[in-house]
Amino acid sequence: MIFVIDVGNTNMTMGVFRGEKLAATFRIMTKTPRTSDEYGIMITQLLKSNGIKTSDIEGAIIASVVPDVMHSLTSAIIRYLKTKPLIVGPGVKSGIKVATEDPRGIGADRIVDAVAAYVKYGGPVLVLDFGTATTYDLITEDGRFTAGITAPGIRISSEALWKETAKLPNIEIRKPKTILAQETITSMQAGLMYGQIGQTEYIIRKVKEESGLANLKVVATGGLGRAIADETDSIDIYDSSLTLDGLRIIYDKNRK
């Protein structure tokens, strides 16, 4: 069994694969400082609650955009799972060629999503990840990562509204019944959700226009990705396990 971890700015998403089948998933908060022992005990308990023994784990892989947690997290996996994790980064085989001006500046999470989308759905493909940031990454038919767009995520936009204004509240992020809001909370929800839908459709349209790839497949993932994908025909596929699948694929490429 392979243990995979996607360390995002808000949450760490963890999964366990038995072959190509995702056997378990769980999340913990990234921003809470933890020692290696705290990570180790938490991971051990989460595995146990899913009926998985630590001795069943034969390998691990991590993609992280949060360097500060890596020492404790890596140490925990080595000590408690008895395996040294593969860290997604320069020198790791991915099957994707990053053909941008600054290849090293592309986040590990985006490489992982690109690999998964390309392997699972083929190219050309545009990968959307609705996380702390909303990202749009273009992979060509021959597997080149050629462009990426980064925008504030819905939660960042929501937090900006209530933190930077005197009277606007912290709200639940969901689509209201109508865009014609008549009170504060639904007016904020309408702006956030319909604004994200509009941004998504426009960026997809512009990418297709400027790339000339009219047959471009559009694949979305991320926590709020399903809510957006359900509201627009511009997204072809929503894949909740895309990032975890990408980690498994990269692990397999580097094990051979």
Protein backbone atom coordinates (compact mmCIF):
# COMPACT_ATOMS: atom_id res chain seq x y z
CA MET A 1 0.00 0.00 0.00
CA ILE A 2 1.21 3.51 -0.86
CA PHE A 3 0.65 6.53 1.40
CA VAL A 4 0.24 9.83 -0.49
CA ILE A 5 0.09 13.36 0.93
CA ASP A 6 -0.85 16.63 -0.75
CA VAL A 7 0.23 19.50 1.53
CA GLY A 8 -1.84 22.54 0.62
CA ASN A 9 -1.91 25.98 2.20
CA THR A 10 -5.12 25.22 4.09
CA ASN A 11 -5.32 21.43 4.42
CA MET A 12 -3.22 18.31 3.99
CA THR A 13 -5.10 15.70 2.01
CA MET A 14 -3.86 12.18 2.61
CA GLY A 15 -4.69 8.94 0.88
CA VAL A 16 -3.77 5.28 0.84
CA PHE A 17 -3.67 3.30 -2.41
CA ARG A 18 -3.95 -0.45 -2.69
CA GLY A 19 -2.60 -0.85 -6.22
CA GLU A 20 -4.50 1.71 -8.29
CA LYS A 21 -7.51 1.74 -5.95
CA LEU A 22 -7.87 4.56 -3.44
CA ALA A 23 -8.58 2.69 -0.20
CA ALA A 24 -8.87 5.63 2.22
CA THR A 25 -8.66 9.42 2.38
CA PHE A 26 -8.54 11.92 5.23
CA ARG A 27 -7.63 15.57 5.85
CA ILE A 28 -5.92 17.56 8.57
CA MET A 29 -5.28 21.30 8.84
CA THR A 30 -1.94 22.54 7.55
CA LYS A 31 -1.73 25.78 9.54
CA THR A 32 -1.72 24.08 12.96
CA PRO A 33 1.96 23.73 14.05
CA ARG A 34 2.82 20.11 14.93
CA THR A 35 5.89 18.15 15.96
CA SER A 36 6.95 14.99 14.16
CA ASP A 37 5.50 12.91 17.01
CA GLU A 38 2.16 14.72 16.76
CA TYR A 39 2.05 14.07 13.01
CA GLY A 40 3.10 10.46 13.55
CA ILE A 41 0.47 9.72 16.18
CA MET A 42 -2.24 11.46 14.16
CA ILE A 43 -1.35 9.60 10.96
CA THR A 44 -1.16 6.28 12.80
CA GLN A 45 -4.59 6.83 14.35
CA LEU A 46 -6.13 7.90 11.05
CA LEU A 47 -4.77 4.81 9.34
CA LYS A 48 -6.04 2.59 12.16
CA SER A 49 -9.51 4.13 11.98
CA ASN A 50 -9.59 3.15 8.31
CA GLY A 51 -8.53 -0.43 9.05
CA ILE A 52 -4.98 0.02 7.78
CA LYS A 53 -1.90 -1.13 9.68
CA THR A 54 1.26 0.98 9.51
CA SER A 55 3.11 -2.20 8.52
CA ASP A 56 0.94 -2.37 5.38
CA ILE A 57 2.50 0.88 4.07
CA GLU A 58 5.39 0.07 1.74
CA GLY A 59 6.08 3.55 0.39
CA ALA A 60 5.06 7.22 0.61
CA ILE A 61 5.12 10.35 -1.52
CA ILE A 62 4.53 14.02 -0.66
CA ALA A 63 3.73 17.09 -2.78
CA SER A 64 3.95 20.27 -0.73
CA VAL A 65 3.57 24.01 -1.21
CA VAL A 66 4.29 24.68 2.48
CA PRO A 67 8.02 24.22 3.19
CA ASP A 68 7.71 24.93 6.93
CA VAL A 69 5.90 21.67 7.69
CA MET A 70 8.17 19.37 5.71
CA HIS A 71 10.83 18.57 8.31
CA SER A 72 8.32 17.43 10.95
CA LEU A 73 6.08 15.65 8.45
CA THR A 74 8.90 13.80 6.72
CA SER A 75 10.43 12.80 10.05
CA ALA A 76 7.06 11.45 11.20
CA ILE A 77 6.69 9.24 8.14
CA ILE A 78 10.22 7.89 8.48
CA ARG A 79 9.77 7.14 12.19
CA TYR A 80 6.18 5.91 12.31
CA LEU A 81 5.69 4.34 8.87
CA LYS A 82 9.29 3.10 8.50
CA THR A 83 9.66 4.47 4.99
CA LYS A 84 11.41 7.50 3.50
CA PRO A 85 8.91 9.49 1.43
CA LEU A 86 9.55 10.60 -2.14
CA ILE A 87 9.23 14.40 -2.34
CA VAL A 88 7.83 15.78 -5.60
CA GLY A 89 10.30 18.32 -6.95
CA PRO A 90 13.18 18.82 -9.38
CA GLY A 91 14.75 15.53 -10.43
CA VAL A 92 11.63 13.46 -9.82
CA LYS A 93 10.24 11.72 -12.92
CA SER A 94 6.74 12.94 -13.78
CA GLY A 95 6.24 12.27 -17.49
CA ILE A 96 5.38 15.96 -17.95
CA LYS A 97 7.81 18.48 -19.44
CA VAL A 98 7.44 21.93 -17.88
CA ALA A 99 7.91 24.29 -20.83
CA THR A 100 7.45 27.64 -19.05
CA GLU A 101 9.90 30.49 -18.49
CA ASP A 102 10.51 29.42 -14.88
CA PRO A 103 9.95 25.64 -14.57
CA ARG A 104 11.18 25.54 -10.96
CA GLY A 105 8.55 28.09 -10.01
CA ILE A 106 5.68 25.74 -10.80
CA GLY A 107 4.22 24.32 -7.58
CA ALA A 108 4.47 20.61 -6.89
CA ASP A 109 0.69 20.38 -6.55
CA ARG A 110 0.23 21.75 -10.06
CA ILE A 111 2.70 19.27 -11.53
CA VAL A 112 0.86 16.44 -9.77
CA ASP A 113 -2.53 17.58 -11.09
CA ALA A 114 -1.08 17.94 -14.59
CA VAL A 115 0.35 14.42 -14.52
CA ALA A 116 -2.94 12.92 -13.35
CA ALA A 117 -5.07 14.79 -15.88
CA TYR A 118 -2.74 13.94 -18.76
CA VAL A 119 -2.48 10.24 -17.86
CA LYS A 120 -6.18 9.80 -17.07
CA TYR A 121 -7.75 11.96 -19.78
CA GLY A 122 -5.04 12.67 -22.36
CA GLY A 123 -4.02 15.97 -23.88
CA PRO A 124 -4.55 18.71 -24.63
CA VAL A 125 -6.10 19.31 -21.24
CA LEU A 126 -6.73 22.31 -19.02
CA VAL A 127 -6.58 21.45 -15.31
CA LEU A 128 -8.50 23.57 -12.82
CA ASP A 129 -7.83 23.26 -9.09
CA PHE A 130 -10.22 25.11 -6.79
CA GLY A 131 -8.12 25.30 -3.62
CA THR A 132 -6.75 28.15 -1.54
CA ALA A 133 -5.86 29.62 -4.93
CA THR A 134 -7.74 28.78 -8.10
CA THR A 135 -5.31 27.56 -10.75
CA TYR A 136 -5.67 26.82 -14.46
CA ASP A 137 -2.86 24.81 -16.11
CA LEU A 138 -2.51 23.93 -19.78
CA ILE A 139 -0.92 20.65 -20.87
CA THR A 140 -0.49 19.99 -24.60
CA GLU A 141 -1.17 16.80 -26.54
CA ASP A 142 2.49 15.78 -26.26
CA GLY A 143 2.60 16.29 -22.48
CA ARG A 144 4.13 19.77 -22.16
CA PHE A 145 3.04 22.08 -19.33
CA THR A 146 2.96 25.33 -21.29
CA ALA A 147 0.95 27.86 -19.31
CA GLY A 148 -0.63 28.50 -15.94
CA ILE A 149 -3.07 31.06 -14.54
CA THR A 150 -3.42 31.77 -10.82
CA ALA A 151 -6.34 33.59 -9.18
CA PRO A 152 -7.51 34.04 -5.58
CA GLY A 153 -9.57 31.12 -4.38
CA ILE A 154 -13.17 31.54 -3.24
CA ARG A 155 -12.23 31.23 0.44
CA ILE A 156 -9.50 33.87 0.11
CA SER A 157 -12.00 36.23 -1.51
CA SER A 158 -14.54 35.52 1.21
CA GLU A 159 -12.02 36.14 3.99
CA ALA A 160 -10.94 39.39 2.35
CA LEU A 161 -14.54 40.63 2.40
CA TRP A 162 -15.13 40.07 6.11
CA LYS A 163 -11.63 40.85 7.36
CA GLU A 164 -11.17 44.06 5.40
CA THR A 165 -14.61 45.56 5.96
CA ALA A 166 -16.25 46.77 9.15
CA LYS A 167 -19.71 45.27 8.79
CA LEU A 168 -19.58 42.32 6.39
CA PRO A 169 -19.76 38.94 8.21
CA ASN A 170 -17.92 35.66 7.77
CA ILE A 171 -20.30 33.50 5.73
CA GLU A 172 -20.88 29.96 4.51
CA ILE A 173 -19.69 29.64 0.92
CA ARG A 174 -22.55 28.32 -1.17
CA LYS A 175 -24.58 29.34 -4.18
CA PRO A 176 -27.79 31.20 -3.28
CA LYS A 177 -31.06 30.39 -5.03
CA THR A 178 -30.85 33.56 -7.11
CA ILE A 179 -28.26 36.15 -8.03
CA LEU A 180 -30.87 38.81 -7.22
CA ALA A 181 -29.91 38.96 -3.55
CA GLN A 182 -31.89 41.12 -1.14
CA GLU A 183 -29.80 40.92 2.05
CA THR A 184 -26.13 40.92 3.04
CA ILE A 185 -25.30 37.21 3.35
CA THR A 186 -26.88 36.10 0.06
CA SER A 187 -25.47 39.17 -1.69
CA MET A 188 -21.96 38.05 -0.63
CA GLN A 189 -22.67 34.45 -1.60
CA ALA A 190 -23.96 35.58 -4.99
CA GLY A 191 -20.89 37.69 -5.64
CA LEU A 192 -18.48 34.95 -4.60
CA MET A 193 -20.09 32.01 -6.36
CA TYR A 194 -21.41 33.65 -9.53
CA GLY A 195 -18.21 35.67 -9.73
CA GLN A 196 -16.17 32.46 -9.63
CA ILE A 197 -18.39 30.82 -12.24
CA GLY A 198 -18.02 33.84 -14.53
CA GLN A 199 -14.25 33.95 -14.03
CA THR A 200 -13.99 30.24 -14.76
CA GLU A 201 -15.96 30.44 -17.99
CA TYR A 202 -14.08 33.50 -19.22
CA ILE A 203 -10.61 32.09 -18.51
CA ILE A 204 -11.45 28.77 -20.17
CA ARG A 205 -12.77 30.63 -23.22
CA LYS A 206 -9.66 32.83 -23.43
CA VAL A 207 -7.29 29.86 -23.04
CA LYS A 208 -9.03 28.04 -25.89
CA GLU A 209 -8.99 31.21 -28.00
CA GLU A 210 -5.32 32.09 -27.48
CA SER A 211 -4.01 28.52 -27.60
CA GLY A 212 -6.06 27.60 -30.65
CA LEU A 213 -7.02 24.35 -28.91
CA ALA A 214 -10.75 24.21 -29.55
CA ASN A 215 -10.79 20.49 -28.58
CA LEU A 216 -9.26 21.20 -25.17
CA LYS A 217 -10.60 18.96 -22.39
CA VAL A 218 -11.29 20.79 -19.13
CA VAL A 219 -10.82 18.85 -15.89
CA ALA A 220 -11.52 20.31 -12.45
CA THR A 221 -10.62 19.24 -8.93
CA GLY A 222 -10.36 20.80 -5.47
CA GLY A 223 -12.68 21.31 -2.53
CA LEU A 224 -15.12 23.75 -4.14
CA GLY A 225 -14.57 22.44 -7.65
CA ARG A 226 -17.72 20.33 -7.73
CA ALA A 227 -19.94 23.28 -6.79
CA ILE A 228 -18.51 25.26 -9.72
CA ALA A 229 -18.45 22.34 -12.16
CA ASP A 230 -22.14 21.66 -11.50
CA GLU A 231 -22.99 25.20 -12.59
CA THR A 232 -21.17 25.46 -15.92
CA ASP A 233 -20.90 23.51 -19.16
CA SER A 234 -17.36 24.84 -19.63
CA ILE A 235 -15.96 22.11 -17.33
CA ASP A 236 -16.05 18.63 -18.85
CA ILE A 237 -15.00 16.51 -15.86
CA TYR A 238 -14.85 16.94 -12.10
CA ASP A 239 -12.38 14.52 -10.48
CA SER A 240 -12.18 14.73 -6.68
CA SER A 241 -9.22 12.33 -6.43
CA LEU A 242 -7.13 13.88 -9.24
CA THR A 243 -4.27 15.10 -7.02
CA LEU A 244 -4.01 11.86 -5.06
CA ASP A 245 -4.04 9.86 -8.30
CA GLY A 246 -1.25 12.06 -9.62
CA LEU A 247 0.87 11.32 -6.56
CA ARG A 248 0.36 7.58 -7.06
CA ILE A 249 1.27 7.84 -10.75
CA ILE A 250 4.48 9.77 -10.00
CA TYR A 251 5.40 7.31 -7.24
CA ASP A 252 4.99 4.42 -9.69
CA LYS A 253 7.09 6.19 -12.34
CA ASN A 254 9.96 6.62 -9.89
CA ARG A 255 9.76 3.12 -8.42
CA LYS A 256 10.43 1.44 -11.75
